């Protein structure tokens, strides 16, 4: 990224599966039109309701390999049996338009982006408890039982990582709007400061 683009705020959102990260991001986009979610690249099949280029960019394995070879990702990782990456060009395009990009990634990706971006705002979104996470995973009916078990085990490890994020938002079951408002306020405060202490 250019020096001017790197100086602009980028928001990195992570947290356990089932926390409602996409719902919170969607509500935040409705509240602040200067925000824009970057569609991550995925090698898995789309879930019901997911739209190509909006929720994710869906790539075949060989396409993903080509993007990696071309240096097209800010970060990428294999998780839950598929690969996921943050397209560099999408972030740069949004910054050039004066938008604040929101990157949704896993914990490992957030750690990588913390090193590669110029002072990103790191936000950890979680649910009130593990029971809420499990209920949300089951309600979306997108994973097998074994995948749910694996994601819940991963969630316990991810929750232990929350303390190095700039902000932790607990997304209550019925208050996605409150979580989105917390996110928008935090972004506005980070923009006003021009940077934020770790």
Protein backbone atom coordinates (compact mmCIF):
# COMPACT_ATOMS: atom_id res chain seq x y z
CA UNK A 1 0.00 0.00 0.00
CA UNK A 2 1.13 3.54 -0.59
CA UNK A 3 2.20 5.67 2.36
CA UNK A 4 -0.94 7.86 2.10
CA UNK A 5 -3.23 4.84 1.97
CA UNK A 6 -1.43 3.14 4.84
CA UNK A 7 -2.04 6.20 7.03
CA UNK A 8 -5.81 5.82 6.69
CA UNK A 9 -7.79 3.75 9.16
CA UNK A 10 -8.46 0.09 8.44
CA UNK A 11 -10.73 -1.86 10.81
CA UNK A 12 -10.01 -5.53 11.48
CA UNK A 13 -12.82 -7.58 13.03
CA UNK A 14 -12.36 -11.05 14.42
CA UNK A 15 -13.89 -13.35 17.01
CA UNK A 16 -15.29 -16.84 17.39
CA UNK A 17 -17.61 -18.50 14.92
CA UNK A 18 -21.24 -17.77 15.81
CA UNK A 19 -20.52 -14.38 17.40
CA UNK A 20 -22.54 -12.56 14.75
CA UNK A 21 -19.65 -10.67 13.18
CA UNK A 22 -21.31 -10.34 9.78
CA UNK A 23 -24.58 -9.17 11.32
CA UNK A 24 -22.79 -6.51 13.38
CA UNK A 25 -20.78 -5.37 10.36
CA UNK A 26 -23.93 -5.18 8.23
CA UNK A 27 -25.70 -3.04 10.83
CA UNK A 28 -22.63 -0.78 11.14
CA UNK A 29 -22.59 -0.26 7.37
CA UNK A 30 -26.21 0.89 7.57
CA UNK A 31 -25.28 3.40 10.29
CA UNK A 32 -22.20 4.84 8.58
CA UNK A 33 -22.03 4.92 4.76
CA UNK A 34 -18.31 5.75 4.85
CA UNK A 35 -17.63 2.18 6.00
CA UNK A 36 -17.22 -0.67 3.52
CA UNK A 37 -16.73 -4.38 4.13
CA UNK A 38 -14.04 -6.09 2.10
CA UNK A 39 -15.27 -9.35 0.57
CA UNK A 40 -12.75 -12.00 1.59
CA UNK A 41 -11.74 -14.72 -0.84
CA UNK A 42 -12.86 -18.25 0.08
CA UNK A 43 -12.25 -21.66 -1.42
CA UNK A 44 -15.39 -23.16 0.15
CA UNK A 45 -18.79 -23.27 -1.52
CA UNK A 46 -21.20 -20.39 -0.85
CA UNK A 47 -23.62 -20.83 2.04
CA UNK A 48 -27.34 -20.19 1.46
CA UNK A 49 -27.91 -16.48 0.96
CA UNK A 50 -24.25 -15.61 0.33
CA UNK A 51 -23.69 -13.45 -2.74
CA UNK A 52 -20.55 -13.58 -4.86
CA UNK A 53 -18.55 -10.38 -4.50
CA UNK A 54 -20.71 -9.10 -1.63
CA UNK A 55 -20.17 -11.58 1.17
CA UNK A 56 -17.11 -13.28 -0.28
CA UNK A 57 -15.21 -13.90 -3.51
CA UNK A 58 -15.43 -17.64 -4.12
CA UNK A 59 -12.33 -19.10 -5.79
CA UNK A 60 -11.33 -22.55 -6.97
CA UNK A 61 -8.15 -23.89 -5.34
CA UNK A 62 -6.07 -23.21 -8.44
CA UNK A 63 -7.35 -19.62 -8.59
CA UNK A 64 -6.47 -19.11 -4.93
CA UNK A 65 -2.99 -20.51 -5.62
CA UNK A 66 -2.57 -17.99 -8.44
CA UNK A 67 -3.62 -15.10 -6.19
CA UNK A 68 -1.09 -16.24 -3.58
CA UNK A 69 1.67 -16.44 -6.20
CA UNK A 70 0.76 -12.95 -7.45
CA UNK A 71 0.92 -11.46 -3.93
CA UNK A 72 -2.77 -10.51 -4.16
CA UNK A 73 -3.54 -11.14 -0.47
CA UNK A 74 -2.72 -8.99 2.55
CA UNK A 75 -3.04 -12.22 4.51
CA UNK A 76 -4.43 -15.70 3.93
CA UNK A 77 -4.92 -18.81 6.01
CA UNK A 78 -6.39 -22.29 5.92
CA UNK A 79 -9.19 -22.69 8.46
CA UNK A 80 -12.00 -25.22 8.89
CA UNK A 81 -10.90 -27.15 5.81
CA UNK A 82 -10.83 -24.26 3.32
CA UNK A 83 -8.63 -21.25 2.59
CA UNK A 84 -9.52 -17.63 3.19
CA UNK A 85 -7.69 -14.44 2.23
CA UNK A 86 -8.01 -10.65 2.30
CA UNK A 87 -7.59 -9.21 -1.22
CA UNK A 88 -5.03 -6.39 -1.20
CA UNK A 89 -6.55 -4.55 -4.20
CA UNK A 90 -10.00 -4.34 -2.59
CA UNK A 91 -8.56 -2.64 0.50
CA UNK A 92 -6.48 -0.22 -1.58
CA UNK A 93 -9.47 0.64 -3.80
CA UNK A 94 -11.66 1.49 -0.81
CA UNK A 95 -8.95 3.62 0.80
CA UNK A 96 -8.48 5.52 -2.46
CA UNK A 97 -12.23 6.28 -2.42
CA UNK A 98 -11.96 7.71 1.12
CA UNK A 99 -13.79 4.75 2.63
CA UNK A 100 -12.88 2.95 5.84
CA UNK A 101 -12.41 -0.73 4.96
CA UNK A 102 -13.65 -3.37 7.40
CA UNK A 103 -11.76 -6.65 7.20
CA UNK A 104 -13.38 -9.70 8.78
CA UNK A 105 -10.84 -12.40 9.53
CA UNK A 106 -9.88 -15.13 11.96
CA UNK A 107 -7.56 -14.59 14.94
CA UNK A 108 -4.45 -15.65 13.04
CA UNK A 109 -5.36 -13.25 10.23
CA UNK A 110 -5.93 -10.42 12.69
CA UNK A 111 -2.48 -11.00 14.15
CA UNK A 112 -0.91 -10.88 10.69
CA UNK A 113 -2.82 -7.72 9.73
CA UNK A 114 -1.76 -6.05 12.98
CA UNK A 115 1.82 -6.36 11.73
CA UNK A 116 1.20 -5.51 8.06
CA UNK A 117 -1.13 -2.52 8.36
CA UNK A 118 -0.37 0.91 9.77
CA UNK A 119 -2.13 0.96 13.17
CA UNK A 120 -5.41 -0.79 12.33
CA UNK A 121 -8.34 -0.72 14.75
CA UNK A 122 -8.60 -4.31 16.04
CA UNK A 123 -12.08 -5.30 17.20
CA UNK A 124 -13.00 -8.62 18.80
CA UNK A 125 -16.70 -9.52 18.52
CA UNK A 126 -18.03 -12.28 20.75
CA UNK A 127 -21.25 -13.67 22.20
CA UNK A 128 -22.23 -13.61 25.89
CA UNK A 129 -21.14 -17.25 26.36
CA UNK A 130 -20.28 -20.50 24.60
CA UNK A 131 -23.91 -21.67 24.79
CA UNK A 132 -24.95 -18.65 22.72
CA UNK A 133 -22.24 -19.40 20.18
CA UNK A 134 -23.41 -23.00 19.84
CA UNK A 135 -27.05 -21.97 19.50
CA UNK A 136 -26.20 -19.48 16.75
CA UNK A 137 -24.09 -22.00 14.85
CA UNK A 138 -26.89 -24.55 14.95
CA UNK A 139 -29.53 -22.02 13.91
CA UNK A 140 -27.72 -21.12 10.71
CA UNK A 141 -27.59 -24.82 9.72
CA UNK A 142 -24.43 -24.30 7.68
CA UNK A 143 -22.09 -26.79 9.38
CA UNK A 144 -22.12 -30.49 10.12
CA UNK A 145 -22.11 -31.72 13.72
CA UNK A 146 -18.37 -32.44 13.56
CA UNK A 147 -17.72 -28.94 12.19
CA UNK A 148 -19.75 -27.40 15.03
CA UNK A 149 -17.75 -29.37 17.60
CA UNK A 150 -14.48 -28.22 15.99
CA UNK A 151 -15.63 -24.59 15.86
CA UNK A 152 -16.69 -24.63 19.52
CA UNK A 153 -13.32 -26.04 20.55
CA UNK A 154 -11.61 -23.34 18.49
CA UNK A 155 -13.87 -20.69 20.05
CA UNK A 156 -12.56 -21.48 23.53
CA UNK A 157 -8.99 -20.86 22.33
CA UNK A 158 -10.04 -17.70 20.46
CA UNK A 159 -11.72 -16.19 23.53
CA UNK A 160 -8.35 -16.29 25.30
CA UNK A 161 -6.94 -13.99 22.58
CA UNK A 162 -9.40 -11.12 23.13
CA UNK A 163 -7.13 -9.09 25.42
CA UNK A 164 -4.73 -7.94 22.68
CA UNK A 165 -7.52 -6.36 20.63
CA UNK A 166 -8.28 -2.63 20.94
CA UNK A 167 -11.96 -3.25 21.66
CA UNK A 168 -14.10 -6.21 22.70
CA UNK A 169 -17.78 -6.05 21.75
CA UNK A 170 -20.18 -8.55 23.31
CA UNK A 171 -22.93 -9.07 20.76
CA UNK A 172 -26.00 -9.83 22.86
CA UNK A 173 -28.61 -12.16 21.32
CA UNK A 174 -31.23 -9.50 20.57
CA UNK A 175 -29.13 -6.35 20.35
CA UNK A 176 -27.08 -6.42 17.15
CA UNK A 177 -27.84 -2.71 16.81
CA UNK A 178 -26.17 -1.94 20.14
CA UNK A 179 -23.06 -3.85 19.08
CA UNK A 180 -23.05 -2.03 15.72
CA UNK A 181 -23.37 1.33 17.46
CA UNK A 182 -20.41 0.45 19.70
CA UNK A 183 -18.40 -0.39 16.59
CA UNK A 184 -19.33 2.83 14.77
CA UNK A 185 -18.48 4.92 17.85
CA UNK A 186 -15.10 3.21 18.19
CA UNK A 187 -14.31 3.83 14.52
CA UNK A 188 -15.28 7.51 14.82
CA UNK A 189 -13.06 7.88 17.90
CA UNK A 190 -10.12 6.21 16.14
CA UNK A 191 -10.53 8.51 13.13
CA UNK A 192 -10.66 11.56 15.42
CA UNK A 193 -7.43 10.52 17.17
CA UNK A 194 -5.65 9.71 13.94
CA UNK A 195 -4.17 6.73 15.74
CA UNK A 196 -4.90 4.72 18.84
CA UNK A 197 -2.61 3.39 21.55
CA UNK A 198 -2.17 -0.34 22.00
